[in-house]
Protein backbone atom coordinates (compact mmCIF):
# COMPACT_ATOMS: atom_id res chain seq x y z
CA MET A 1 71.77 -26.34 26.92
CA ALA A 2 68.01 -26.06 27.39
CA GLN A 3 66.34 -28.52 29.76
CA SER A 4 63.70 -29.56 27.24
CA PHE A 5 63.69 -29.52 23.45
CA ARG A 6 60.47 -27.52 23.80
CA ASP A 7 62.55 -24.66 25.24
CA LEU A 8 64.61 -24.41 22.04
CA VAL A 9 63.47 -21.48 19.90
CA VAL A 10 64.61 -23.36 16.80
CA TRP A 11 62.26 -26.24 17.68
CA GLN A 12 59.41 -23.76 18.28
CA ARG A 13 59.97 -22.13 14.87
CA ALA A 14 60.25 -25.54 13.19
CA MET A 15 56.88 -26.44 14.72
CA GLN A 16 55.38 -23.19 13.38
CA LEU A 17 56.81 -24.04 9.97
CA THR A 18 55.33 -27.54 10.05
CA VAL A 19 51.88 -26.21 10.92
CA ALA A 20 52.20 -23.61 8.13
CA ILE A 21 53.11 -26.39 5.68
CA TYR A 22 50.07 -28.46 6.65
CA ARG A 23 47.82 -25.42 6.19
CA LEU A 24 49.42 -24.64 2.84
CA THR A 25 49.18 -28.17 1.47
CA LYS A 26 45.57 -28.80 2.51
CA ASP A 27 44.58 -26.76 -0.54
CA PHE A 28 46.89 -28.60 -2.96
CA PRO A 29 45.07 -30.53 -5.68
CA ARG A 30 43.99 -34.06 -4.73
CA GLU A 31 46.26 -35.43 -7.48
CA GLU A 32 49.23 -34.24 -5.42
CA LEU A 33 48.23 -36.17 -2.28
CA TYR A 34 50.79 -38.94 -2.84
CA GLY A 35 53.24 -36.68 -4.62
CA LEU A 36 54.26 -33.19 -3.60
CA THR A 37 51.84 -32.94 -0.66
CA ASN A 38 53.25 -36.05 0.97
CA GLN A 39 56.88 -35.13 0.25
CA ILE A 40 56.60 -31.58 1.54
CA ARG A 41 54.79 -32.65 4.71
CA ARG A 42 57.33 -35.38 5.46
CA ALA A 43 60.22 -32.94 5.07
CA ALA A 44 58.50 -30.40 7.32
CA VAL A 45 57.65 -32.92 10.05
CA SER A 46 61.25 -34.13 10.10
CA LEU A 47 62.55 -30.70 11.15
CA PRO A 48 61.16 -30.43 14.70
CA SER A 49 61.33 -34.22 15.06
CA ASN A 50 65.07 -34.36 14.41
CA ILE A 51 65.75 -31.33 16.60
CA ALA A 52 63.89 -33.02 19.45
CA GLU A 53 65.57 -36.38 18.92
CA GLY A 54 69.01 -34.82 18.67
CA HIS A 55 68.44 -32.84 21.85
CA GLY A 56 67.56 -36.08 23.60
CA ARG A 57 70.86 -37.71 22.67
CA LEU A 58 73.58 -38.15 25.23
CA ASN A 59 76.33 -36.07 23.69
CA THR A 60 76.98 -32.98 21.62
CA GLY A 61 78.32 -34.98 18.68
CA GLU A 62 75.03 -36.79 18.24
CA PHE A 63 73.11 -33.52 18.61
CA ARG A 64 75.28 -32.01 15.85
CA GLN A 65 74.58 -35.02 13.64
CA PHE A 66 70.81 -34.62 14.06
CA LEU A 67 71.07 -30.88 13.40
CA GLY A 68 72.92 -31.74 10.19
CA VAL A 69 70.05 -34.00 9.15
CA THR A 70 67.60 -31.21 10.05
CA ARG A 71 69.58 -28.75 7.94
CA ALA A 72 69.46 -31.11 4.94
CA SER A 73 65.71 -31.66 5.37
CA ASN A 74 65.23 -27.90 5.49
CA PHE A 75 67.03 -27.54 2.14
CA GLU A 76 64.80 -30.30 0.77
CA LEU A 77 61.74 -28.43 2.02
CA GLN A 78 62.92 -25.17 0.42
CA THR A 79 63.32 -27.00 -2.88
CA GLN A 80 59.83 -28.47 -2.62
CA LEU A 81 58.37 -25.04 -1.83
CA GLN A 82 60.02 -23.71 -4.99
CA ILE A 83 58.53 -26.59 -6.99
CA ALA A 84 55.09 -25.81 -5.53
CA ARG A 85 55.53 -22.15 -6.46
CA GLU A 86 56.58 -22.94 -10.03
CA LEU A 87 53.71 -25.42 -10.49
CA GLU A 88 51.33 -22.83 -9.01
CA ARG A 89 50.24 -25.17 -6.23
CA GLY A 90 48.85 -23.31 -3.26
CA ASN A 91 48.55 -19.62 -2.54
CA PRO A 92 51.78 -17.59 -2.99
CA GLN A 93 51.37 -15.77 0.35
CA PRO A 94 51.46 -18.93 2.52
CA ILE A 95 54.39 -20.18 0.43
CA ASP A 96 56.19 -16.90 1.20
CA GLN A 97 55.41 -17.34 4.90
CA ALA A 98 56.70 -20.93 4.90
CA GLU A 99 59.85 -19.90 3.04
CA GLY A 100 60.48 -17.14 5.55
CA LEU A 101 60.14 -19.54 8.47
CA SER A 102 62.34 -22.07 6.69
CA HIS A 103 65.10 -19.50 6.20
CA GLU A 104 64.79 -18.45 9.85
CA VAL A 105 65.08 -22.06 11.00
CA GLY A 106 68.07 -22.54 8.70
CA LYS A 107 69.89 -19.57 10.21
CA MET A 108 69.20 -20.82 13.72
CA ILE A 109 70.47 -24.31 12.92
CA TYR A 110 73.64 -22.84 11.43
CA ALA A 111 74.18 -20.66 14.51
CA ILE A 112 73.74 -23.63 16.86
CA LEU A 113 76.11 -25.76 14.79
CA GLU A 114 78.71 -22.97 14.89
CA SER A 115 78.31 -22.57 18.66
CA ILE A 116 78.87 -26.26 19.44
CA LYS A 117 81.80 -26.97 17.13
CA ASP A 118 84.25 -29.54 18.39
């Protein structure tokens, strides 16, 4: 396993996704600040955070558990991006970019989970 969580490509992509989400949501209407904007940002921030925390745990089982939480948060984020798209919040191109990164992160999480099965 990598020495630092920062060495994990999945963490790096999750960070890119989080930054993309913050850029996307800065243009959401003010009325969404405590609604969709907050929800989507929280889901995005949880991705690299849980990857990092899981990597810092003492055993593979705990790392798997945190990756499972990350996977669920990623599905939540994908749902929120779809809601934003349907409500016409934000520019479609940044939403497409965020969705692409989210799918990439999802595939990486799945691959890691498969590689460290019990």
